[in-house]
Amino acid sequence: MTSRIAAAFALVVTLAACDKPSADDCEKALRNMQQILGTDNLNTTAGIQSEVRRCRSGSSREAVACAIKATSIDDLNKCDFEKNGKHGGIGSATAGSAGSGSAK
């Protein structure tokens, strides 16, 4: 019985990890978002790496791919990348909260 539970747990963990974006994709998405928002000069390398970790743990591949392809704030708003609100308002001066999107 214990081995069945362990196998089921391993399967769930494996399936959950399948939708996680790569670090490279998260960085591309975050840098694209910063460029669109005009904040690309505000973040440090350490800051972007922190956001990449948040992105990898909380975003889906689909949302990250959408953010990479975005060319406008409206495009970013269509991505399910950020659960703290839409881009373009006060408080979106950095892409800081952008990496905390929810996974689908």
Protein backbone atom coordinates (compact mmCIF):
# COMPACT_ATOMS: atom_id res chain seq x y z
CA MET A 1 0.00 0.00 0.00
CA THR A 2 2.80 2.42 0.87
CA SER A 3 4.52 1.81 -2.45
CA ARG A 4 1.29 2.66 -4.31
CA ILE A 5 1.01 5.95 -2.42
CA ALA A 6 4.66 6.75 -3.14
CA ALA A 7 4.19 5.93 -6.84
CA ALA A 8 1.06 8.09 -7.03
CA PHE A 9 2.87 10.96 -5.32
CA ALA A 10 5.82 10.64 -7.71
CA LEU A 11 3.43 10.74 -10.68
CA VAL A 12 1.69 13.87 -9.40
CA VAL A 13 5.02 15.63 -8.78
CA THR A 14 6.27 14.67 -12.25
CA LEU A 15 3.11 15.89 -13.97
CA ALA A 16 3.11 19.14 -12.03
CA ALA A 17 6.70 19.86 -13.07
CA CYS A 18 5.88 19.38 -16.77
CA ASP A 19 4.21 22.78 -17.08
CA LYS A 20 7.04 24.76 -15.47
CA PRO A 21 8.86 27.20 -17.75
CA SER A 22 12.64 27.14 -18.15
CA ALA A 23 14.84 29.75 -16.49
CA ASP A 24 15.85 31.06 -19.93
CA ASP A 25 12.23 31.49 -21.00
CA CYS A 26 11.35 33.25 -17.75
CA GLU A 27 14.26 35.64 -18.19
CA LYS A 28 13.23 36.37 -21.80
CA ALA A 29 9.67 37.04 -20.67
CA LEU A 30 10.72 39.28 -17.80
CA ARG A 31 13.16 41.28 -19.92
CA ASN A 32 10.52 41.70 -22.64
CA MET A 33 8.02 42.88 -20.05
CA GLN A 34 10.53 45.38 -18.68
CA GLN A 35 11.21 46.72 -22.16
CA ILE A 36 7.50 47.11 -22.90
CA LEU A 37 6.92 48.82 -19.55
CA GLY A 38 10.00 51.02 -19.98
CA THR A 39 11.62 49.69 -16.82
CA ASP A 40 14.47 47.76 -18.37
CA ASN A 41 17.02 50.13 -16.81
CA LEU A 42 15.69 49.72 -13.25
CA ASN A 43 16.47 46.07 -12.50
CA THR A 44 19.79 44.58 -11.47
CA THR A 45 21.08 41.16 -12.49
CA ALA A 46 20.41 39.89 -8.96
CA GLY A 47 16.89 41.29 -9.09
CA ILE A 48 16.10 39.63 -12.40
CA GLN A 49 17.42 36.29 -11.12
CA SER A 50 15.10 36.55 -8.13
CA GLU A 51 12.19 37.21 -10.47
CA VAL A 52 13.22 34.28 -12.67
CA ARG A 53 12.97 31.96 -9.65
CA ARG A 54 9.51 33.33 -8.84
CA CYS A 55 8.46 32.95 -12.46
CA ARG A 56 9.63 29.33 -12.64
CA SER A 57 7.77 28.36 -9.51
CA GLY A 58 4.55 30.24 -10.17
CA SER A 59 4.01 30.52 -13.92
CA SER A 60 2.98 28.16 -16.67
CA ARG A 61 4.89 27.63 -19.91
CA GLU A 62 1.91 29.02 -21.80
CA ALA A 63 1.87 32.25 -19.81
CA VAL A 64 5.62 32.73 -20.17
CA ALA A 65 5.48 32.09 -23.93
CA CYS A 66 2.70 34.68 -24.17
CA ALA A 67 4.81 37.26 -22.29
CA ILE A 68 7.82 36.56 -24.53
CA LYS A 69 5.72 37.24 -27.66
CA ALA A 70 4.00 40.34 -26.28
CA THR A 71 4.68 43.62 -28.06
CA SER A 72 2.42 45.93 -26.06
CA ILE A 73 0.88 46.38 -22.63
CA ASP A 74 -2.41 45.11 -24.04
CA ASP A 75 -0.64 41.93 -25.16
CA LEU A 76 0.82 41.49 -21.67
CA ASN A 77 -2.60 41.93 -20.12
CA LYS A 78 -3.87 39.01 -22.19
CA CYS A 79 -1.24 36.69 -20.70
CA ASP A 80 -2.09 34.80 -17.53
CA PHE A 81 1.30 35.75 -16.13
CA GLU A 82 0.47 38.02 -13.25
CA LYS A 83 -2.03 37.44 -10.49
CA ASN A 84 -1.50 40.84 -8.84
CA GLY A 85 -3.26 42.86 -11.51
CA LYS A 86 -2.81 44.22 -14.99
CA HIS A 87 0.18 46.15 -16.31
CA GLY A 88 0.39 49.81 -17.05
CA GLY A 89 -0.98 51.32 -13.86
CA ILE A 90 0.80 52.90 -10.93
CA GLY A 91 2.79 50.21 -9.21
CA SER A 92 3.88 48.56 -12.43
CA ALA A 93 7.09 50.52 -12.53
CA THR A 94 8.99 47.27 -12.34
CA ALA A 95 8.30 43.76 -13.51
CA GLY A 96 8.74 42.71 -9.87
CA SER A 97 5.28 41.33 -9.31
CA ALA A 98 5.06 39.95 -12.82
CA GLY A 99 6.91 36.75 -12.05
CA SER A 100 4.37 35.62 -9.51
CA GLY A 101 1.82 34.43 -12.03
CA SER A 102 -0.32 31.41 -11.39
CA ALA A 103 0.18 28.09 -13.12
CA LYS A 104 -2.67 26.63 -15.08
